[in-house]
Amino acid sequence: MVIGDLIKRDLISCSPDTKVRDVAKLMKKYDIGGVVIVNEHNQPLGFVTDRDIVVRLISEDGSLDTKVEDIMTRRCIRIKYYADCGEAMRTMGACQVRRIMVVDDEDKVLGVVSLRDLVLYNKTYPRVNITLKNISRDSTQKTKVQEALRVDDYRT
C-alpha cells in the first residue's frame, strides 16, 4: 500500500502569519493535534502541534496573538505520496517523529500521516508490527540515554 492511501482527511493548513489563537481554534474544530504551515504554493514551511503551543508559548507566558511561524517546527519531514508504508515507517523511526507530511512531485502537501494511522494499517497488515515495534524501541532507548546523560554523577 502506498502512503498516500492512508491520508484520511482534507489537509488542514495555514500561513505562517496566522495567529496561534486561530491555529488552536482549527485544532479544536477539526479535532487534530497539529497543523501544517504552508507557503502560497501549498509547500510546507513547518508544522505546529498542540504540544508546541504549550511548551513554546504558554509555558513562556507568550501571547496567543503570536504568529505561528514564531513557534512552529521548521523541520518538515516529508515523503512522496507514492512511497510505500514501510518507507514511511523507516523515515519516521529514523527521524523520531510521529507525523509525516505526504507531498506530491511538486512538494505540495497533500496531507499528514501519523504513527496512529500506521498502527491502524498494522492491524490489517500484521507484518508491519515488527517495524512499529522497532520505532518504539528506538524511541525508548533514546529516552533512556537522554535520561542517563541528565543524571548527576555523585561518585567521589
N, C-alpha and C. Protein backbone atom coordinates (compact mmCIF):
# COMPACT_ATOMS: atom_id res chain seq x y z
N MET A 1 0.85 -1.18 0.00
CA MET A 1 0.00 0.00 0.00
C MET A 1 0.89 1.24 0.00
N VAL A 2 0.48 2.24 -0.76
CA VAL A 2 1.25 3.49 -0.79
C VAL A 2 0.76 4.41 0.32
N ILE A 3 1.66 5.25 0.79
CA ILE A 3 1.37 6.10 1.94
C ILE A 3 0.24 7.09 1.65
N GLY A 4 0.12 7.53 0.42
CA GLY A 4 -0.96 8.46 0.06
C GLY A 4 -2.34 7.89 0.33
N ASP A 5 -2.47 6.57 0.30
CA ASP A 5 -3.76 5.92 0.56
C ASP A 5 -4.18 6.03 2.03
N LEU A 6 -3.25 6.36 2.91
CA LEU A 6 -3.57 6.47 4.33
C LEU A 6 -4.05 7.87 4.73
N ILE A 7 -4.00 8.82 3.81
CA ILE A 7 -4.49 10.17 4.13
C ILE A 7 -6.00 10.07 4.29
N LYS A 8 -6.48 10.49 5.47
CA LYS A 8 -7.89 10.29 5.79
C LYS A 8 -8.76 11.54 5.69
N ARG A 9 -8.18 12.67 5.61
CA ARG A 9 -8.98 13.90 5.61
C ARG A 9 -8.31 14.95 4.75
N ASP A 10 -9.08 15.99 4.47
CA ASP A 10 -8.51 17.12 3.74
C ASP A 10 -7.42 17.76 4.58
N LEU A 11 -6.47 18.33 3.91
CA LEU A 11 -5.36 18.99 4.59
C LEU A 11 -5.86 20.21 5.37
N ILE A 12 -5.47 20.28 6.63
CA ILE A 12 -5.74 21.45 7.45
C ILE A 12 -4.42 22.20 7.56
N SER A 13 -4.36 23.39 6.98
CA SER A 13 -3.11 24.14 6.95
C SER A 13 -3.40 25.62 7.16
N CYS A 14 -2.33 26.37 7.35
CA CYS A 14 -2.46 27.82 7.48
C CYS A 14 -1.15 28.47 7.03
N SER A 15 -1.18 29.77 6.93
CA SER A 15 0.01 30.52 6.53
C SER A 15 0.85 30.84 7.77
N PRO A 16 2.12 31.18 7.57
CA PRO A 16 3.00 31.45 8.71
C PRO A 16 2.60 32.66 9.55
N ASP A 17 1.82 33.58 8.99
CA ASP A 17 1.44 34.76 9.76
C ASP A 17 0.11 34.59 10.52
N THR A 18 -0.44 33.39 10.49
CA THR A 18 -1.66 33.11 11.25
C THR A 18 -1.35 33.18 12.75
N LYS A 19 -2.26 33.75 13.51
CA LYS A 19 -2.08 33.84 14.96
C LYS A 19 -2.26 32.46 15.61
N VAL A 20 -1.49 32.21 16.64
CA VAL A 20 -1.56 30.94 17.36
C VAL A 20 -2.99 30.69 17.85
N ARG A 21 -3.67 31.72 18.28
CA ARG A 21 -5.06 31.60 18.73
C ARG A 21 -5.93 30.95 17.65
N ASP A 22 -5.75 31.38 16.40
CA ASP A 22 -6.54 30.84 15.29
C ASP A 22 -6.14 29.41 14.95
N VAL A 23 -4.87 29.10 15.10
CA VAL A 23 -4.41 27.73 14.88
C VAL A 23 -5.03 26.80 15.92
N ALA A 24 -5.06 27.24 17.17
CA ALA A 24 -5.66 26.44 18.24
C ALA A 24 -7.14 26.19 17.96
N LYS A 25 -7.82 27.20 17.43
CA LYS A 25 -9.23 27.03 17.08
C LYS A 25 -9.41 26.00 15.97
N LEU A 26 -8.50 26.01 15.00
CA LEU A 26 -8.54 24.99 13.93
C LEU A 26 -8.37 23.59 14.52
N MET A 27 -7.41 23.46 15.43
CA MET A 27 -7.17 22.16 16.05
C MET A 27 -8.41 21.66 16.78
N LYS A 28 -9.07 22.56 17.48
CA LYS A 28 -10.28 22.17 18.21
C LYS A 28 -11.40 21.81 17.23
N LYS A 29 -11.61 22.66 16.24
CA LYS A 29 -12.70 22.46 15.27
C LYS A 29 -12.59 21.11 14.56
N TYR A 30 -11.37 20.77 14.15
CA TYR A 30 -11.17 19.54 13.37
C TYR A 30 -10.68 18.37 14.21
N ASP A 31 -10.54 18.58 15.52
CA ASP A 31 -10.09 17.54 16.44
C ASP A 31 -8.77 16.93 15.98
N ILE A 32 -7.79 17.81 15.76
CA ILE A 32 -6.47 17.38 15.32
C ILE A 32 -5.41 17.90 16.27
N GLY A 33 -4.24 17.28 16.26
CA GLY A 33 -3.17 17.66 17.16
C GLY A 33 -2.09 18.49 16.51
N GLY A 34 -2.22 18.77 15.21
CA GLY A 34 -1.20 19.55 14.53
C GLY A 34 -1.71 20.14 13.23
N VAL A 35 -1.07 21.22 12.81
CA VAL A 35 -1.44 21.93 11.59
C VAL A 35 -0.18 22.17 10.77
N VAL A 36 -0.29 21.95 9.46
CA VAL A 36 0.81 22.19 8.54
C VAL A 36 0.84 23.68 8.20
N ILE A 37 2.03 24.26 8.23
CA ILE A 37 2.21 25.66 7.85
C ILE A 37 2.76 25.65 6.43
N VAL A 38 2.07 26.32 5.51
CA VAL A 38 2.44 26.27 4.09
C VAL A 38 2.64 27.67 3.53
N ASN A 39 3.37 27.72 2.41
CA ASN A 39 3.52 28.99 1.68
C ASN A 39 2.36 29.13 0.69
N GLU A 40 2.43 30.16 -0.13
CA GLU A 40 1.34 30.42 -1.09
C GLU A 40 1.21 29.34 -2.16
N HIS A 41 2.20 28.48 -2.30
CA HIS A 41 2.15 27.39 -3.28
C HIS A 41 1.80 26.05 -2.63
N ASN A 42 1.35 26.10 -1.39
CA ASN A 42 0.98 24.91 -0.61
C ASN A 42 2.18 23.99 -0.34
N GLN A 43 3.36 24.57 -0.31
CA GLN A 43 4.56 23.81 0.03
C GLN A 43 4.84 23.99 1.53
N PRO A 44 5.32 22.96 2.19
CA PRO A 44 5.47 23.01 3.65
C PRO A 44 6.60 23.92 4.11
N LEU A 45 6.28 24.72 5.12
CA LEU A 45 7.28 25.57 5.78
C LEU A 45 7.55 25.07 7.19
N GLY A 46 6.56 24.39 7.75
CA GLY A 46 6.70 23.92 9.12
C GLY A 46 5.46 23.18 9.57
N PHE A 47 5.48 22.85 10.85
CA PHE A 47 4.36 22.11 11.46
C PHE A 47 4.25 22.59 12.89
N VAL A 48 3.05 22.76 13.38
CA VAL A 48 2.85 23.15 14.77
C VAL A 48 1.86 22.18 15.40
N THR A 49 2.20 21.74 16.60
CA THR A 49 1.35 20.81 17.34
C THR A 49 0.79 21.49 18.58
N ASP A 50 -0.19 20.83 19.18
CA ASP A 50 -0.73 21.35 20.43
C ASP A 50 0.37 21.41 21.49
N ARG A 51 1.28 20.48 21.46
CA ARG A 51 2.41 20.48 22.40
C ARG A 51 3.32 21.69 22.17
N ASP A 52 3.56 22.03 20.91
CA ASP A 52 4.37 23.22 20.60
C ASP A 52 3.75 24.47 21.23
N ILE A 53 2.42 24.57 21.15
CA ILE A 53 1.74 25.73 21.71
C ILE A 53 1.95 25.79 23.22
N VAL A 54 1.86 24.65 23.87
CA VAL A 54 2.03 24.62 25.33
C VAL A 54 3.48 24.89 25.71
N VAL A 55 4.41 24.18 25.10
CA VAL A 55 5.82 24.26 25.50
C VAL A 55 6.49 25.55 25.04
N ARG A 56 6.24 25.98 23.83
CA ARG A 56 6.95 27.13 23.28
C ARG A 56 6.25 28.46 23.48
N LEU A 57 4.99 28.43 23.88
CA LEU A 57 4.27 29.69 24.02
C LEU A 57 3.68 29.86 25.41
N ILE A 58 2.78 29.00 25.79
CA ILE A 58 2.07 29.17 27.06
C ILE A 58 3.02 29.07 28.24
N SER A 59 3.93 28.10 28.24
CA SER A 59 4.86 27.95 29.36
C SER A 59 5.82 29.13 29.48
N GLU A 60 5.97 29.87 28.40
CA GLU A 60 6.84 31.05 28.39
C GLU A 60 6.04 32.34 28.54
N ASP A 61 4.77 32.20 28.92
CA ASP A 61 3.87 33.35 29.08
C ASP A 61 3.75 34.18 27.81
N GLY A 62 3.77 33.50 26.66
CA GLY A 62 3.62 34.19 25.39
C GLY A 62 2.17 34.53 25.08
N SER A 63 1.99 35.35 24.09
CA SER A 63 0.66 35.80 23.69
C SER A 63 0.08 34.88 22.62
N LEU A 64 -1.22 34.63 22.71
CA LEU A 64 -1.89 33.84 21.69
C LEU A 64 -1.99 34.60 20.37
N ASP A 65 -1.62 35.87 20.39
CA ASP A 65 -1.60 36.66 19.16
C ASP A 65 -0.25 36.55 18.43
N THR A 66 0.64 35.73 18.96
CA THR A 66 1.93 35.46 18.32
C THR A 66 1.69 34.78 16.98
N LYS A 67 2.51 35.11 15.99
CA LYS A 67 2.42 34.42 14.70
C LYS A 67 2.90 32.99 14.86
N VAL A 68 2.23 32.08 14.18
CA VAL A 68 2.56 30.67 14.31
C VAL A 68 3.99 30.37 13.83
N GLU A 69 4.51 31.17 12.91
CA GLU A 69 5.87 30.94 12.43
C GLU A 69 6.90 31.09 13.55
N ASP A 70 6.55 31.80 14.61
CA ASP A 70 7.48 32.01 15.71
C ASP A 70 7.61 30.79 16.62
N ILE A 71 6.65 29.86 16.55
CA ILE A 71 6.72 28.69 17.42
C ILE A 71 6.70 27.36 16.66
N MET A 72 6.52 27.41 15.34
CA MET A 72 6.40 26.17 14.57
C MET A 72 7.74 25.44 14.50
N THR A 73 7.66 24.15 14.28
CA THR A 73 8.84 23.35 14.00
C THR A 73 9.13 23.50 12.52
N ARG A 74 10.33 23.95 12.20
CA ARG A 74 10.66 24.22 10.80
C ARG A 74 11.15 22.99 10.05
N ARG A 75 11.49 21.97 10.77
CA ARG A 75 11.96 20.72 10.15
C ARG A 75 10.75 19.97 9.60
N CYS A 76 10.62 19.92 8.29
CA CYS A 76 9.47 19.29 7.65
C CYS A 76 9.86 17.91 7.12
N ILE A 77 9.52 16.90 7.87
CA ILE A 77 9.78 15.53 7.41
C ILE A 77 8.66 15.18 6.45
N ARG A 78 9.04 14.82 5.23
CA ARG A 78 8.03 14.56 4.21
C ARG A 78 8.38 13.33 3.39
N ILE A 79 7.38 12.84 2.71
CA ILE A 79 7.54 11.65 1.89
C ILE A 79 6.60 11.78 0.69
N LYS A 80 7.01 11.25 -0.44
CA LYS A 80 6.17 11.31 -1.64
C LYS A 80 4.95 10.40 -1.46
N TYR A 81 3.85 10.80 -2.03
CA TYR A 81 2.58 10.09 -1.86
C TYR A 81 2.62 8.66 -2.38
N TYR A 82 3.52 8.35 -3.29
CA TYR A 82 3.58 7.01 -3.87
C TYR A 82 4.58 6.09 -3.15
N ALA A 83 5.22 6.59 -2.10
CA ALA A 83 6.14 5.74 -1.32
C ALA A 83 5.34 4.69 -0.57
N ASP A 84 5.97 3.56 -0.30
CA ASP A 84 5.22 2.53 0.44
C ASP A 84 5.24 2.81 1.93
N CYS A 85 4.34 2.17 2.64
CA CYS A 85 4.18 2.42 4.08
C CYS A 85 5.44 2.03 4.85
N GLY A 86 6.15 1.03 4.38
CA GLY A 86 7.40 0.63 5.04
C GLY A 86 8.42 1.75 5.02
N GLU A 87 8.53 2.43 3.89
CA GLU A 87 9.46 3.56 3.79
C GLU A 87 9.04 4.68 4.75
N ALA A 88 7.75 4.92 4.85
CA ALA A 88 7.25 5.95 5.77
C ALA A 88 7.61 5.60 7.21
N MET A 89 7.43 4.34 7.58
CA MET A 89 7.75 3.91 8.94
C MET A 89 9.24 4.04 9.23
N ARG A 90 10.07 3.65 8.26
CA ARG A 90 11.52 3.77 8.45
C ARG A 90 11.93 5.24 8.60
N THR A 91 11.34 6.10 7.80
CA THR A 91 11.64 7.54 7.88
C THR A 91 11.21 8.10 9.23
N MET A 92 10.01 7.74 9.67
CA MET A 92 9.53 8.22 10.96
C MET A 92 10.44 7.73 12.09
N GLY A 93 10.86 6.48 12.00
CA GLY A 93 11.74 5.93 13.02
C GLY A 93 13.10 6.61 13.03
N ALA A 94 13.67 6.80 11.85
CA ALA A 94 14.99 7.43 11.75
C ALA A 94 14.97 8.88 12.22
N CYS A 95 13.87 9.57 11.95
CA CYS A 95 13.76 10.99 12.32
C CYS A 95 13.10 11.20 13.67
N GLN A 96 12.64 10.11 14.29
CA GLN A 96 11.97 10.18 15.59
C GLN A 96 10.80 11.16 15.59
N VAL A 97 9.91 11.01 14.60
CA VAL A 97 8.70 11.83 14.51
C VAL A 97 7.48 10.93 14.51
N ARG A 98 6.36 11.49 14.89
CA ARG A 98 5.11 10.73 14.93
C ARG A 98 4.17 11.11 13.80
N ARG A 99 4.55 12.12 13.05
CA ARG A 99 3.74 12.55 11.91
C ARG A 99 4.68 12.82 10.74
N ILE A 100 4.18 12.54 9.55
CA ILE A 100 4.99 12.79 8.36
C ILE A 100 4.10 13.43 7.30
N MET A 101 4.62 14.45 6.63
CA MET A 101 3.86 15.12 5.58
C MET A 101 3.97 14.32 4.30
N VAL A 102 2.84 14.18 3.62
CA VAL A 102 2.79 13.49 2.34
C VAL A 102 2.70 14.56 1.26
N VAL A 103 3.63 14.52 0.31
CA VAL A 103 3.71 15.56 -0.72
C VAL A 103 3.64 14.94 -2.11
N ASP A 104 3.32 15.80 -3.09
CA ASP A 104 3.33 15.36 -4.48
C ASP A 104 4.71 15.65 -5.09
N ASP A 105 4.83 15.47 -6.39
CA ASP A 105 6.12 15.67 -7.04
C ASP A 105 6.57 17.13 -7.07
N GLU A 106 5.65 18.06 -6.84
CA GLU A 106 5.99 19.49 -6.79
C GLU A 106 6.19 19.96 -5.36
N ASP A 107 6.27 19.02 -4.42
CA ASP A 107 6.46 19.28 -2.99
C ASP A 107 5.27 19.99 -2.36
N LYS A 108 4.10 19.86 -2.96
CA LYS A 108 2.88 20.42 -2.38
C LYS A 108 2.31 19.39 -1.40
N VAL A 109 1.90 19.88 -0.24
CA VAL A 109 1.40 18.98 0.80
C VAL A 109 0.01 18.47 0.44
N LEU A 110 -0.12 17.15 0.48
CA LEU A 110 -1.41 16.51 0.23
C LEU A 110 -2.12 16.16 1.53
N GLY A 111 -1.33 15.89 2.56
CA GLY A 111 -1.90 15.51 3.84
C GLY A 111 -0.82 15.10 4.81
N VAL A 112 -1.25 14.61 5.96
CA VAL A 112 -0.34 14.17 7.01
C VAL A 112 -0.74 12.76 7.41
N VAL A 113 0.25 11.90 7.59
CA VAL A 113 0.02 10.55 8.10
C VAL A 113 0.72 10.45 9.45
N SER A 114 0.00 9.92 10.42
CA SER A 114 0.53 9.80 11.77
C SER A 114 0.93 8.37 12.09
N LEU A 115 1.67 8.23 13.17
CA LEU A 115 2.02 6.90 13.65
C LEU A 115 0.75 6.11 13.95
N ARG A 116 -0.27 6.78 14.45
CA ARG A 116 -1.56 6.13 14.71
C ARG A 116 -2.15 5.54 13.42
N ASP A 117 -2.08 6.30 12.33
CA ASP A 117 -2.58 5.79 11.05
C ASP A 117 -1.85 4.51 10.66
N LEU A 118 -0.54 4.49 10.91
CA LEU A 118 0.24 3.30 10.58
C LEU A 118 -0.09 2.13 11.51
N VAL A 119 -0.41 2.43 12.76
CA VAL A 119 -0.82 1.37 13.69
C VAL A 119 -2.13 0.75 13.22
N LEU A 120 -3.07 1.59 12.79
CA LEU A 120 -4.34 1.07 12.28
C LEU A 120 -4.10 0.24 11.02
N TYR A 121 -3.20 0.69 10.17
CA TYR A 121 -2.80 -0.08 8.99
C TYR A 121 -2.20 -1.41 9.42
N ASN A 122 -1.45 -1.38 10.50
CA ASN A 122 -0.80 -2.57 11.04
C ASN A 122 -1.82 -3.65 11.41
N LYS A 123 -2.98 -3.25 11.89
CA LYS A 123 -4.00 -4.23 12.26
C LYS A 123 -4.45 -5.02 11.04
N THR A 124 -4.41 -4.38 9.89
CA THR A 124 -4.79 -5.05 8.66
C THR A 124 -3.63 -5.85 8.08
N TYR A 125 -2.42 -5.35 8.26
CA TYR A 125 -1.23 -5.98 7.71
C TYR A 125 -0.23 -6.26 8.83
N PRO A 126 -0.35 -7.41 9.53
CA PRO A 126 0.45 -7.70 10.72
C PRO A 126 1.96 -7.64 10.54
N ARG A 127 2.48 -7.87 9.35
CA ARG A 127 3.95 -7.87 9.19
C ARG A 127 4.55 -6.50 9.48
N VAL A 128 3.73 -5.47 9.45
CA VAL A 128 4.18 -4.11 9.75
C VAL A 128 4.54 -3.98 11.23
N ASN A 129 4.00 -4.85 12.06
CA ASN A 129 4.18 -4.79 13.51
C ASN A 129 5.65 -4.73 13.91
N ILE A 130 6.50 -5.49 13.26
CA ILE A 130 7.92 -5.53 13.61
C ILE A 130 8.54 -4.14 13.45
N THR A 131 8.26 -3.47 12.36
CA THR A 131 8.82 -2.14 12.13
C THR A 131 8.32 -1.15 13.17
N LEU A 132 7.02 -1.22 13.50
CA LEU A 132 6.46 -0.31 14.50
C LEU A 132 7.10 -0.55 15.86
N LYS A 133 7.32 -1.81 16.21
CA LYS A 133 7.97 -2.11 17.49
C LYS A 133 9.38 -1.54 17.51
N ASN A 134 10.07 -1.61 16.39
CA ASN A 134 11.43 -1.07 16.32
C ASN A 134 11.43 0.44 16.48
N ILE A 135 10.43 1.13 15.92
CA ILE A 135 10.34 2.58 16.10
C ILE A 135 10.16 2.89 17.57
N SER A 136 9.25 2.17 18.23
CA SER A 136 9.01 2.39 19.66
C SER A 136 10.24 2.07 20.48
N ARG A 137 10.92 0.97 20.16
CA ARG A 137 12.11 0.57 20.90
C ARG A 137 13.19 1.62 20.75
N ASP A 138 13.41 2.09 19.53
CA ASP A 138 14.43 3.12 19.31
C ASP A 138 14.11 4.37 20.13
N SER A 139 12.85 4.75 20.18
CA SER A 139 12.45 5.92 20.94
C SER A 139 12.69 5.72 22.43
N THR A 140 12.36 4.53 22.94
CA THR A 140 12.57 4.22 24.35
C THR A 140 14.05 4.24 24.68
N GLN A 141 14.87 3.63 23.82
CA GLN A 141 16.31 3.60 24.08
C GLN A 141 16.88 5.01 24.06
N LYS A 142 16.42 5.83 23.13
CA LYS A 142 16.90 7.21 23.05
C LYS A 142 16.55 7.95 24.34
N THR A 143 15.33 7.75 24.83
CA THR A 143 14.90 8.40 26.07
C THR A 143 15.76 7.96 27.24
N LYS A 144 16.05 6.67 27.34
CA LYS A 144 16.88 6.17 28.43
C LYS A 144 18.28 6.79 28.38
N VAL A 145 18.83 6.91 27.20
CA VAL A 145 20.15 7.52 27.05
C VAL A 145 20.09 8.99 27.46
N GLN A 146 19.04 9.69 27.02
CA GLN A 146 18.90 11.11 27.38
C GLN A 146 18.77 11.26 28.89
N GLU A 147 17.99 10.39 29.53
CA GLU A 147 17.84 10.46 30.99
C GLU A 147 19.18 10.19 31.68
N ALA A 148 19.92 9.22 31.18
CA ALA A 148 21.21 8.88 31.78
C ALA A 148 22.18 10.06 31.70
N LEU A 149 22.13 10.78 30.60
CA LEU A 149 23.03 11.92 30.44
C LEU A 149 22.67 13.07 31.38
N ARG A 150 21.40 13.14 31.81
CA ARG A 150 20.95 14.20 32.70
C ARG A 150 21.21 13.89 34.17
N VAL A 151 21.52 12.65 34.50
CA VAL A 151 21.72 12.25 35.89
C VAL A 151 23.06 12.76 36.38
N ASP A 152 23.04 13.39 37.55
CA ASP A 152 24.29 13.88 38.13
C ASP A 152 25.14 12.69 38.59
N ASP A 153 26.41 12.82 38.46
CA ASP A 153 27.33 11.77 38.88
C ASP A 153 27.82 12.12 40.28
N TYR A 154 27.41 11.32 41.28
CA TYR A 154 27.76 11.61 42.66
C TYR A 154 28.98 10.83 43.14
N ARG A 155 29.70 10.23 42.22
CA ARG A 155 30.90 9.50 42.63
C ARG A 155 31.96 10.48 43.11
N THR A 156 32.69 10.05 44.09
CA THR A 156 33.75 10.93 44.61
C THR A 156 35.11 10.41 44.23
